[in-house]
Amino acid sequence: MKKPQWQLDGKEPDYRFTLANERTFLAWIRTALAVLAGGVALDQFAGHMAPKQLLVGIAVALTLLACLLAGNAYFRWRGNEIAMRHSAPLPATVGIPTVSATLSGVALALTVLLLFGAR
């Protein structure tokens, strides 16, 4: 398989940093899978909670977050690889604040549902 041009530019980084970057990528993917599983589980197994529309909205938010996390994982990995190849600072990420804000909102909404919406 032919490498993309960005993998040919600059100098090859130390393999330890490349492997660490791949482990970080896999951690983001595992997080996306866990969030996706949480959204599916909420939709499938929390039918006794009301209002159902809010529950579906939370499940959709979780599945969309999982999609964003998986996409962000690749672009974060790629950006880090490019930065390492050019001895540049690693780029900032929007993934961490996005995960934090979304999961905080989901946790708050589920807390309200558990306290006031359960039948």
Protein backbone atom coordinates (compact mmCIF):
# COMPACT_ATOMS: atom_id res chain seq x y z
CA MET A 1 0.00 0.00 0.00
CA LYS A 2 1.35 3.37 -0.99
CA LYS A 3 1.97 5.80 1.87
CA PRO A 4 0.28 9.21 1.72
CA GLN A 5 2.58 12.17 1.04
CA TRP A 6 2.45 13.46 4.61
CA GLN A 7 4.03 10.19 5.81
CA LEU A 8 6.95 10.75 3.47
CA ASP A 9 7.62 14.37 4.48
CA GLY A 10 10.00 15.29 7.27
CA LYS A 11 12.05 12.72 9.12
CA GLU A 12 10.90 9.40 10.51
CA PRO A 13 10.11 9.86 14.23
CA ASP A 14 11.48 7.57 16.92
CA TYR A 15 9.39 4.39 16.79
CA ARG A 16 8.57 4.69 20.51
CA PHE A 17 6.75 7.97 19.88
CA THR A 18 4.94 6.51 16.89
CA LEU A 19 3.80 3.53 18.97
CA ALA A 20 2.72 5.82 21.82
CA ASN A 21 0.71 7.86 19.31
CA GLU A 22 -0.96 4.67 18.07
CA ARG A 23 -1.81 3.63 21.64
CA THR A 24 -3.43 7.03 22.17
CA PHE A 25 -5.40 6.57 18.94
CA LEU A 26 -6.63 3.19 20.18
CA ALA A 27 -7.62 4.71 23.54
CA TRP A 28 -9.77 7.28 21.71
CA ILE A 29 -11.35 4.47 19.66
CA ARG A 30 -12.08 2.45 22.82
CA THR A 31 -13.69 5.53 24.35
CA ALA A 32 -15.82 6.00 21.23
CA LEU A 33 -16.93 2.36 21.38
CA ALA A 34 -17.82 2.67 25.07
CA VAL A 35 -19.85 5.84 24.45
CA LEU A 36 -21.59 4.17 21.49
CA ALA A 37 -22.41 1.12 23.64
CA GLY A 38 -23.80 3.44 26.32
CA GLY A 39 -26.08 5.15 23.81
CA VAL A 40 -27.36 1.86 22.41
CA ALA A 41 -27.85 0.39 25.90
CA LEU A 42 -29.73 3.48 27.04
CA ASP A 43 -32.07 3.27 24.08
CA GLN A 44 -32.63 -0.48 24.37
CA PHE A 45 -32.83 -1.03 28.12
CA ALA A 46 -34.14 2.16 29.71
CA GLY A 47 -37.63 2.08 28.22
CA HIS A 48 -39.25 2.37 31.65
CA MET A 49 -37.99 5.93 32.07
CA ALA A 50 -40.03 8.91 30.94
CA PRO A 51 -40.15 11.06 28.90
CA LYS A 52 -39.12 8.68 26.13
CA GLN A 53 -38.24 11.53 23.72
CA LEU A 54 -35.60 12.88 26.13
CA LEU A 55 -34.15 9.40 26.54
CA VAL A 56 -33.91 8.98 22.77
CA GLY A 57 -32.32 12.43 22.53
CA ILE A 58 -29.65 11.46 25.06
CA ALA A 59 -29.00 8.18 23.25
CA VAL A 60 -28.65 10.04 19.95
CA ALA A 61 -26.27 12.55 21.58
CA LEU A 62 -24.11 9.68 22.81
CA THR A 63 -24.02 7.97 19.43
CA LEU A 64 -23.14 11.26 17.70
CA LEU A 65 -20.40 11.85 20.27
CA ALA A 66 -19.03 8.38 19.50
CA CYS A 67 -18.96 9.27 15.80
CA LEU A 68 -17.11 12.52 16.50
CA LEU A 69 -14.64 10.76 18.79
CA ALA A 70 -13.81 8.13 16.20
CA GLY A 71 -13.23 10.77 13.54
CA ASN A 72 -11.26 12.95 15.92
CA ALA A 73 -9.06 9.97 16.82
CA TYR A 74 -7.77 9.68 13.27
CA PHE A 75 -7.18 13.40 12.77
CA ARG A 76 -5.46 13.67 16.16
CA TRP A 77 -3.20 10.70 15.31
CA ARG A 78 -2.40 12.15 11.90
CA GLY A 79 -1.71 15.64 13.29
CA ASN A 80 0.61 14.24 15.93
CA GLU A 81 2.47 12.18 13.32
CA ILE A 82 2.95 15.21 11.09
CA ALA A 83 4.13 17.34 14.03
CA MET A 84 6.62 14.67 15.12
CA ARG A 85 7.96 14.35 11.56
CA HIS A 86 8.68 18.09 11.49
CA SER A 87 9.86 18.45 15.12
CA ALA A 88 6.95 20.79 15.78
CA PRO A 89 4.76 21.12 18.88
CA LEU A 90 1.87 18.68 19.06
CA PRO A 91 -1.44 20.23 17.97
CA ALA A 92 -4.20 21.01 20.44
CA THR A 93 -7.35 18.89 20.46
CA VAL A 94 -11.05 19.70 20.70
CA GLY A 95 -11.76 16.10 21.69
CA ILE A 96 -11.10 16.45 25.41
CA PRO A 97 -13.41 19.43 26.05
CA THR A 98 -16.03 17.93 23.72
CA VAL A 99 -16.08 14.63 25.62
CA SER A 100 -16.12 16.38 28.96
CA ALA A 101 -18.93 18.80 28.10
CA THR A 102 -21.11 16.21 26.36
CA LEU A 103 -20.77 13.56 29.04
CA SER A 104 -21.39 16.16 31.77
CA GLY A 105 -24.59 17.19 30.01
CA VAL A 106 -25.67 13.58 29.56
CA ALA A 107 -24.96 12.79 33.21
CA LEU A 108 -26.97 15.82 34.33
CA ALA A 109 -29.91 14.93 32.08
CA LEU A 110 -29.89 11.31 33.27
CA THR A 111 -29.71 12.45 36.90
CA VAL A 112 -32.81 14.59 36.36
CA LEU A 113 -34.56 11.67 34.65
CA LEU A 114 -33.68 9.30 37.47
CA LEU A 115 -34.86 11.70 40.13
CA PHE A 116 -38.00 13.03 38.49
CA GLY A 117 -38.83 10.96 35.40
CA ALA A 118 -38.85 7.34 36.51
CA ARG A 119 -42.26 5.73 36.86
